[in-house]
């Protein structure tokens, strides 16, 4: 869409140009109607209407030409206004005065000077300036709406691009961790490697099926995280536990971005120390339209620097999909993350 696209003004022009062609000559005293027969009077007014059309159409075209000329200087509208003002005066004044003088030569008017023609030309100039200003106001309003719409479309496109980039961060991360686990099992516990591989196939099928979706049923996500946690249990066994306190009604009624819970479970595993004597328990529950994932803080003896990419990724996904924010709470001995859920 061109911001300087012509307005659809055919109806207004069809009504207003005859009106101006009839009214202006009468209010300025240009024509004495009683001096003419019906045919002559009709021809005169058709001529005045023709002048009104030329003035109207010419000024509109001048406006578009001048705006196009200064299109590269959007911050200098004063040049457009000044140019339009002088174009109105010069074009409207010269055109109307010349055509009206030509009409007077063949008319039956007997006035001794050019005052009626001058007065009529001045009224035409004023009318043309007024009409052009109306066009300019409408044009600027349309341009503003176009720019706002374009900005909104760009923001939507940007958000979609960001969301796709965030989604694409999940797959490589998950593959990397899964391959590490599978490598460990092949070496240490080959009997469990096939079970891990089969379960991994189910988990990854879920990821492939839902990676292009913005939201999934909480029920589906809970089933996925149960399978995912089973993969972790194969490796860590009694060192980790997970408690899911979500009833069937909540699981069927709520929506959540896919693979959200996996990111939080993975985050808990990454940042806490645990073993068979001191297991890590991850609790998943529903409360006040939030999914709450929490665990006891069991800091590692050797803390490694963290980029916090997982939580940042999840927070950005929530912001882009739901326009809501993830709530992270870190107390003295409990770390929790609240994920907003949407009603189905």
Protein backbone atom coordinates (compact mmCIF):
# COMPACT_ATOMS: atom_id res chain seq x y z
CA UNK A 1 0.00 0.00 0.00
CA UNK A 2 1.30 3.39 -0.98
CA UNK A 3 0.90 5.94 1.79
CA UNK A 4 0.10 8.58 -0.85
CA UNK A 5 -2.58 6.52 -2.61
CA UNK A 6 -5.46 8.64 -3.99
CA UNK A 7 -8.61 8.83 -1.93
CA UNK A 8 -11.90 7.47 -3.23
CA UNK A 9 -13.68 10.83 -3.59
CA UNK A 10 -15.90 10.25 -6.65
CA UNK A 11 -19.20 10.58 -4.76
CA UNK A 12 -18.17 13.78 -2.96
CA UNK A 13 -16.80 15.28 -6.17
CA UNK A 14 -19.96 14.37 -8.10
CA UNK A 15 -22.11 16.20 -5.56
CA UNK A 16 -19.90 19.16 -4.63
CA UNK A 17 -18.59 20.39 -8.00
CA UNK A 18 -22.11 21.13 -9.38
CA UNK A 19 -23.02 22.77 -6.08
CA UNK A 20 -19.97 25.05 -6.16
CA UNK A 21 -20.47 25.79 -9.86
CA UNK A 22 -24.00 27.04 -9.12
CA UNK A 23 -23.59 28.73 -5.73
CA UNK A 24 -20.35 30.71 -6.18
CA UNK A 25 -21.39 32.71 -9.32
CA UNK A 26 -24.61 33.73 -7.59
CA UNK A 27 -23.12 34.85 -4.26
CA UNK A 28 -20.42 36.90 -6.01
CA UNK A 29 -22.81 38.58 -8.45
CA UNK A 30 -20.99 37.14 -11.47
CA UNK A 31 -24.18 36.28 -13.35
CA UNK A 32 -27.59 37.95 -13.51
CA UNK A 33 -29.93 35.04 -14.21
CA UNK A 34 -32.76 37.16 -15.62
CA UNK A 35 -30.60 38.25 -18.57
CA UNK A 36 -30.55 34.74 -20.05
CA UNK A 37 -32.90 32.31 -21.66
CA UNK A 38 -33.13 28.78 -20.19
CA UNK A 39 -30.72 27.27 -22.71
CA UNK A 40 -28.16 30.04 -22.27
CA UNK A 41 -28.45 29.85 -18.49
CA UNK A 42 -27.98 26.09 -18.55
CA UNK A 43 -24.90 26.41 -20.77
CA UNK A 44 -23.41 29.04 -18.43
CA UNK A 45 -23.86 26.92 -15.35
CA UNK A 46 -22.45 23.85 -17.09
CA UNK A 47 -19.42 26.01 -17.91
CA UNK A 48 -19.12 27.10 -14.24
CA UNK A 49 -19.42 23.49 -13.11
CA UNK A 50 -16.66 22.60 -15.57
CA UNK A 51 -14.46 25.31 -14.01
CA UNK A 52 -15.25 23.98 -10.51
CA UNK A 53 -14.26 20.49 -11.63
CA UNK A 54 -10.97 21.68 -13.15
CA UNK A 55 -10.10 23.66 -10.01
CA UNK A 56 -11.01 20.78 -7.69
CA UNK A 57 -9.30 18.04 -9.67
CA UNK A 58 -6.25 20.17 -10.44
CA UNK A 59 -5.67 21.08 -6.79
CA UNK A 60 -6.03 17.47 -5.68
CA UNK A 61 -3.49 16.35 -8.28
CA UNK A 62 -1.17 19.15 -7.25
CA UNK A 63 -1.45 17.97 -3.64
CA UNK A 64 -0.43 14.41 -4.57
CA UNK A 65 2.38 15.68 -6.78
CA UNK A 66 3.80 17.92 -4.05
CA UNK A 67 3.49 15.23 -1.38
CA UNK A 68 5.29 12.78 -3.64
CA UNK A 69 8.01 15.34 -4.32
CA UNK A 70 8.64 15.82 -0.57
CA UNK A 71 7.97 12.17 0.36
CA UNK A 72 11.57 11.67 1.45
CA UNK A 73 11.26 14.49 4.00
CA UNK A 74 8.49 13.33 6.34
CA UNK A 75 9.72 15.61 9.10
CA UNK A 76 9.34 18.74 6.94
CA UNK A 77 5.59 19.01 6.44
CA UNK A 78 5.84 22.78 6.46
CA UNK A 79 7.30 22.60 2.93
CA UNK A 80 4.27 20.65 1.78
CA UNK A 81 1.86 23.11 3.40
CA UNK A 82 3.62 26.17 1.95
CA UNK A 83 3.84 24.59 -1.49
CA UNK A 84 0.17 23.64 -1.41
CA UNK A 85 -0.82 27.15 -0.31
CA UNK A 86 0.93 28.85 -3.21
CA UNK A 87 -0.19 26.16 -5.65
CA UNK A 88 -3.79 26.79 -4.60
CA UNK A 89 -3.46 30.52 -5.15
CA UNK A 90 -1.57 30.39 -8.44
CA UNK A 91 -3.41 27.50 -10.07
CA UNK A 92 -6.93 28.28 -8.81
CA UNK A 93 -6.56 32.03 -9.32
CA UNK A 94 -5.10 31.97 -12.83
CA UNK A 95 -7.34 29.18 -14.09
CA UNK A 96 -10.60 30.56 -12.75
CA UNK A 97 -9.83 34.19 -13.71
CA UNK A 98 -8.86 33.21 -17.26
CA UNK A 99 -11.87 30.97 -17.86
CA UNK A 100 -14.31 33.44 -16.27
CA UNK A 101 -12.93 36.31 -18.36
CA UNK A 102 -13.41 34.16 -21.46
CA UNK A 103 -17.02 33.51 -20.39
CA UNK A 104 -17.65 37.23 -19.84
CA UNK A 105 -16.66 38.02 -23.44
CA UNK A 106 -19.52 35.87 -24.75
CA UNK A 107 -21.98 36.53 -21.91
CA UNK A 108 -24.70 39.17 -21.63
CA UNK A 109 -23.17 40.79 -18.55
CA UNK A 110 -22.76 44.58 -18.73
CA UNK A 111 -20.64 45.34 -15.63
CA UNK A 112 -18.00 47.97 -16.36
CA UNK A 113 -15.03 46.44 -14.51
CA UNK A 114 -13.59 43.07 -13.61
CA UNK A 115 -14.61 43.21 -9.96
CA UNK A 116 -17.15 40.33 -10.21
CA UNK A 117 -14.54 38.12 -11.90
CA UNK A 118 -11.91 39.04 -9.31
CA UNK A 119 -14.32 38.42 -6.42
CA UNK A 120 -15.40 35.09 -7.89
CA UNK A 121 -11.76 34.06 -8.38
CA UNK A 122 -10.98 34.95 -4.74
CA UNK A 123 -13.92 32.88 -3.49
CA UNK A 124 -12.76 29.99 -5.68
CA UNK A 125 -9.23 30.29 -4.22
CA UNK A 126 -10.63 30.23 -0.67
CA UNK A 127 -12.86 27.25 -1.47
CA UNK A 128 -9.97 25.41 -3.16
CA UNK A 129 -7.68 26.03 -0.18
CA UNK A 130 -10.36 24.81 2.23
CA UNK A 131 -11.05 21.67 0.19
CA UNK A 132 -7.33 20.91 -0.18
CA UNK A 133 -6.87 21.24 3.59
CA UNK A 134 -9.67 18.75 4.14
CA UNK A 135 -7.93 16.36 1.75
CA UNK A 136 -4.67 16.89 3.62
CA UNK A 137 -6.31 16.14 7.00
CA UNK A 138 -7.92 12.96 5.63
CA UNK A 139 -4.66 11.98 3.96
CA UNK A 140 -2.62 12.46 7.15
CA UNK A 141 -5.17 10.49 9.16
CA UNK A 142 -5.08 7.63 6.65
CA UNK A 143 -1.29 7.77 6.62
CA UNK A 144 -1.24 7.62 10.42
CA UNK A 145 -3.58 4.61 10.45
CA UNK A 146 -1.47 2.95 7.76
CA UNK A 147 1.72 3.51 9.76
CA UNK A 148 0.11 2.20 12.97
CA UNK A 149 -1.16 -0.86 11.13
CA UNK A 150 2.25 -1.42 9.58
CA UNK A 151 3.96 -1.13 12.96
CA UNK A 152 1.48 -3.61 14.44
CA UNK A 153 2.08 -6.04 11.59
CA UNK A 154 5.84 -5.70 12.02
CA UNK A 155 5.51 -6.34 15.76
CA UNK A 156 3.43 -9.45 15.11
CA UNK A 157 5.93 -10.68 12.54
CA UNK A 158 8.78 -9.99 14.95
CA UNK A 159 7.01 -11.84 17.77
CA UNK A 160 6.36 -14.83 15.50
CA UNK A 161 9.99 -14.87 14.39
CA UNK A 162 11.16 -14.69 18.01
CA UNK A 163 8.79 -17.50 18.99
CA UNK A 164 10.04 -19.72 16.19
CA UNK A 165 13.63 -19.05 17.25
CA UNK A 166 12.78 -19.95 20.85
CA UNK A 167 11.03 -23.14 19.79
CA UNK A 168 14.02 -24.13 17.72
CA UNK A 169 16.26 -23.80 20.78
CA UNK A 170 14.42 -26.66 22.47
CA UNK A 171 15.18 -29.48 20.06
CA UNK A 172 19.02 -29.29 20.00
CA UNK A 173 19.12 -28.89 23.77
CA UNK A 174 16.91 -31.90 24.35
CA UNK A 175 18.76 -34.06 21.81
CA UNK A 176 22.11 -33.19 23.39
CA UNK A 177 20.98 -34.23 26.89
CA UNK A 178 19.24 -37.37 25.64
CA UNK A 179 22.27 -38.57 23.69
CA UNK A 180 24.47 -38.01 26.70
CA UNK A 181 22.12 -40.13 28.81
CA UNK A 182 21.89 -42.84 26.15
CA UNK A 183 25.68 -42.95 25.85
CA UNK A 184 25.94 -43.34 29.60
CA UNK A 185 23.44 -46.24 29.60
CA UNK A 186 25.08 -48.04 26.71
CA UNK A 187 28.37 -48.03 28.62
CA UNK A 188 27.14 -48.51 32.20
CA UNK A 189 23.79 -50.29 31.89
CA UNK A 190 23.31 -51.70 28.40
CA UNK A 191 20.27 -53.70 29.53
CA UNK A 192 18.39 -50.43 30.09
CA UNK A 193 19.54 -48.76 26.88
CA UNK A 194 16.75 -50.28 24.74
CA UNK A 195 14.06 -49.29 27.24
CA UNK A 196 15.47 -45.81 27.33
CA UNK A 197 15.55 -45.67 23.52
CA UNK A 198 11.91 -46.82 23.19
CA UNK A 199 10.70 -44.30 25.76
CA UNK A 200 12.80 -41.61 24.14
CA UNK A 201 10.99 -42.31 20.86
CA UNK A 202 7.62 -41.66 22.56
CA UNK A 203 8.90 -38.45 24.11
CA UNK A 204 10.38 -37.16 20.91
CA UNK A 205 7.20 -38.04 19.00
CA UNK A 206 5.39 -35.65 21.33
CA UNK A 207 7.95 -32.92 20.64
CA UNK A 208 7.66 -33.36 16.87
CA UNK A 209 3.85 -33.41 17.04
CA UNK A 210 3.58 -30.24 19.13
CA UNK A 211 6.62 -28.13 18.28
CA UNK A 212 4.56 -25.99 15.88
CA UNK A 213 1.72 -25.51 18.36
CA UNK A 214 1.53 -22.56 20.70
CA UNK A 215 -0.63 -24.32 23.29
CA UNK A 216 -1.55 -27.88 24.24
CA UNK A 217 -3.88 -29.41 26.82
CA UNK A 218 -2.35 -29.66 30.28
CA UNK A 219 -3.34 -33.34 30.22
CA UNK A 220 -1.07 -33.94 27.22
CA UNK A 221 1.81 -32.05 28.80
CA UNK A 222 1.48 -34.00 32.06
CA UNK A 223 1.58 -37.28 30.15
CA UNK A 224 4.66 -36.08 28.29
CA UNK A 225 6.50 -35.00 31.44
CA UNK A 226 5.70 -38.36 33.06
CA UNK A 227 7.37 -40.14 30.14
CA UNK A 228 10.25 -37.70 30.18
CA UNK A 229 10.76 -38.18 33.91
CA UNK A 230 10.76 -41.93 33.41
CA UNK A 231 13.83 -41.45 31.21
CA UNK A 232 15.49 -39.62 34.07
CA UNK A 233 14.53 -42.38 36.51
CA UNK A 234 16.28 -44.94 34.32
CA UNK A 235 19.50 -43.07 34.86
CA UNK A 236 19.17 -41.60 38.34
CA UNK A 237 16.82 -44.17 39.91
CA UNK A 238 16.11 -43.42 43.56
CA UNK A 239 18.09 -40.17 43.49
CA UNK A 240 15.11 -38.28 42.01
CA UNK A 241 11.36 -38.34 42.53
CA UNK A 242 8.45 -36.43 41.06
CA UNK A 243 5.04 -35.76 42.60
CA UNK A 244 2.23 -34.71 40.26
CA UNK A 245 -0.77 -33.22 42.09
CA UNK A 246 -3.07 -32.40 39.18
CA UNK A 247 -6.60 -33.80 39.00
CA UNK A 248 -8.22 -34.90 35.76
CA UNK A 249 -10.59 -31.91 35.66
CA UNK A 250 -7.75 -29.38 35.75
CA UNK A 251 -5.76 -31.40 33.22
CA UNK A 252 -8.67 -31.25 30.76
CA UNK A 253 -9.58 -27.58 31.33
CA UNK A 254 -6.21 -25.84 31.08
CA UNK A 255 -3.84 -25.03 28.22
CA UNK A 256 -0.10 -24.61 28.48
CA UNK A 257 2.77 -24.03 25.99
CA UNK A 258 4.22 -27.41 25.00
CA UNK A 259 7.44 -28.68 26.59
CA UNK A 260 7.18 -26.11 29.39
CA UNK A 261 7.33 -28.59 32.27
CA UNK A 262 10.28 -30.39 30.73
CA UNK A 263 12.31 -27.20 30.83
CA UNK A 264 11.63 -26.79 34.56
CA UNK A 265 12.40 -30.41 35.43
CA UNK A 266 15.60 -30.17 33.42
CA UNK A 267 16.48 -26.95 35.23
CA UNK A 268 16.00 -28.60 38.64
CA UNK A 269 18.18 -31.56 37.66
CA UNK A 270 20.90 -29.27 36.35
CA UNK A 271 21.19 -26.95 39.35
CA UNK A 272 20.77 -29.28 42.32
CA UNK A 273 22.90 -31.92 44.01
CA UNK A 274 21.19 -35.24 44.75
CA UNK A 275 21.92 -38.90 45.44
CA UNK A 276 20.19 -41.97 46.84
CA UNK A 277 20.67 -40.77 50.44
CA UNK A 278 19.49 -37.24 49.66
CA UNK A 279 17.08 -37.51 46.70
CA UNK A 280 15.69 -34.54 44.79
CA UNK A 281 11.89 -34.35 44.79
CA UNK A 282 10.15 -32.23 42.17
CA UNK A 283 6.54 -31.34 42.90
CA UNK A 284 4.06 -30.34 40.16
CA UNK A 285 0.68 -28.94 41.19
CA UNK A 286 -2.14 -26.57 40.18
CA UNK A 287 -3.15 -23.53 42.21
CA UNK A 288 -5.02 -20.32 41.29
CA UNK A 289 -4.63 -20.70 37.52
CA UNK A 290 -0.94 -21.51 37.83
CA UNK A 291 1.06 -24.68 37.36
CA UNK A 292 3.60 -24.68 40.18
CA UNK A 293 6.82 -26.62 39.83
CA UNK A 294 8.95 -26.58 42.98
CA UNK A 295 11.82 -28.40 44.56
CA UNK A 296 14.01 -28.15 47.64
CA UNK A 297 17.19 -26.23 47.02
CA UNK A 298 20.12 -28.65 47.28
CA UNK A 299 23.07 -26.63 46.03
CA UNK A 300 25.96 -28.40 44.39
CA UNK A 301 29.33 -28.40 46.14
CA UNK A 302 30.93 -26.91 43.05
CA UNK A 303 28.60 -24.35 41.55
CA UNK A 304 29.11 -23.85 37.83
CA UNK A 305 28.25 -20.54 36.14
CA UNK A 306 24.77 -20.62 34.62
CA UNK A 307 23.51 -18.68 31.62
CA UNK A 308 19.90 -19.33 32.77
CA UNK A 309 19.02 -19.89 29.11
CA UNK A 310 16.32 -22.45 29.94
CA UNK A 311 14.26 -20.21 32.22
CA UNK A 312 14.85 -17.19 29.98
CA UNK A 313 13.68 -19.18 26.98
CA UNK A 314 10.56 -20.34 28.82
CA UNK A 315 9.77 -16.83 30.06
CA UNK A 316 10.07 -15.42 26.56
CA UNK A 317 7.84 -18.13 25.11
CA UNK A 318 5.15 -17.35 27.68
CA UNK A 319 5.37 -13.63 26.99
CA UNK A 320 5.04 -14.10 23.24
CA UNK A 321 2.27 -16.73 23.35
CA UNK A 322 0.11 -15.60 26.28
CA UNK A 323 1.28 -12.06 27.05
CA UNK A 324 1.68 -13.27 30.65
CA UNK A 325 4.79 -13.71 32.74
CA UNK A 326 6.38 -16.67 34.45
CA UNK A 327 6.80 -16.12 38.21
CA UNK A 328 10.09 -17.33 39.69
CA UNK A 329 10.43 -17.54 43.48
CA UNK A 330 13.61 -18.55 45.23
CA UNK A 331 13.32 -18.78 49.01
CA UNK A 332 15.71 -19.94 51.70
CA UNK A 333 15.32 -23.63 50.90
CA UNK A 334 12.65 -23.92 48.15
CA UNK A 335 12.79 -22.92 44.51
CA UNK A 336 9.50 -22.63 42.62
CA UNK A 337 8.31 -21.52 39.21
CA UNK A 338 4.68 -20.58 38.53
CA UNK A 339 3.48 -21.04 34.96
CA UNK A 340 0.24 -19.22 34.05
CA UNK A 341 -2.31 -21.51 32.41
CA UNK A 342 -5.14 -20.56 30.09
CA UNK A 343 -8.71 -21.81 30.30
CA UNK A 344 -9.66 -24.19 27.51
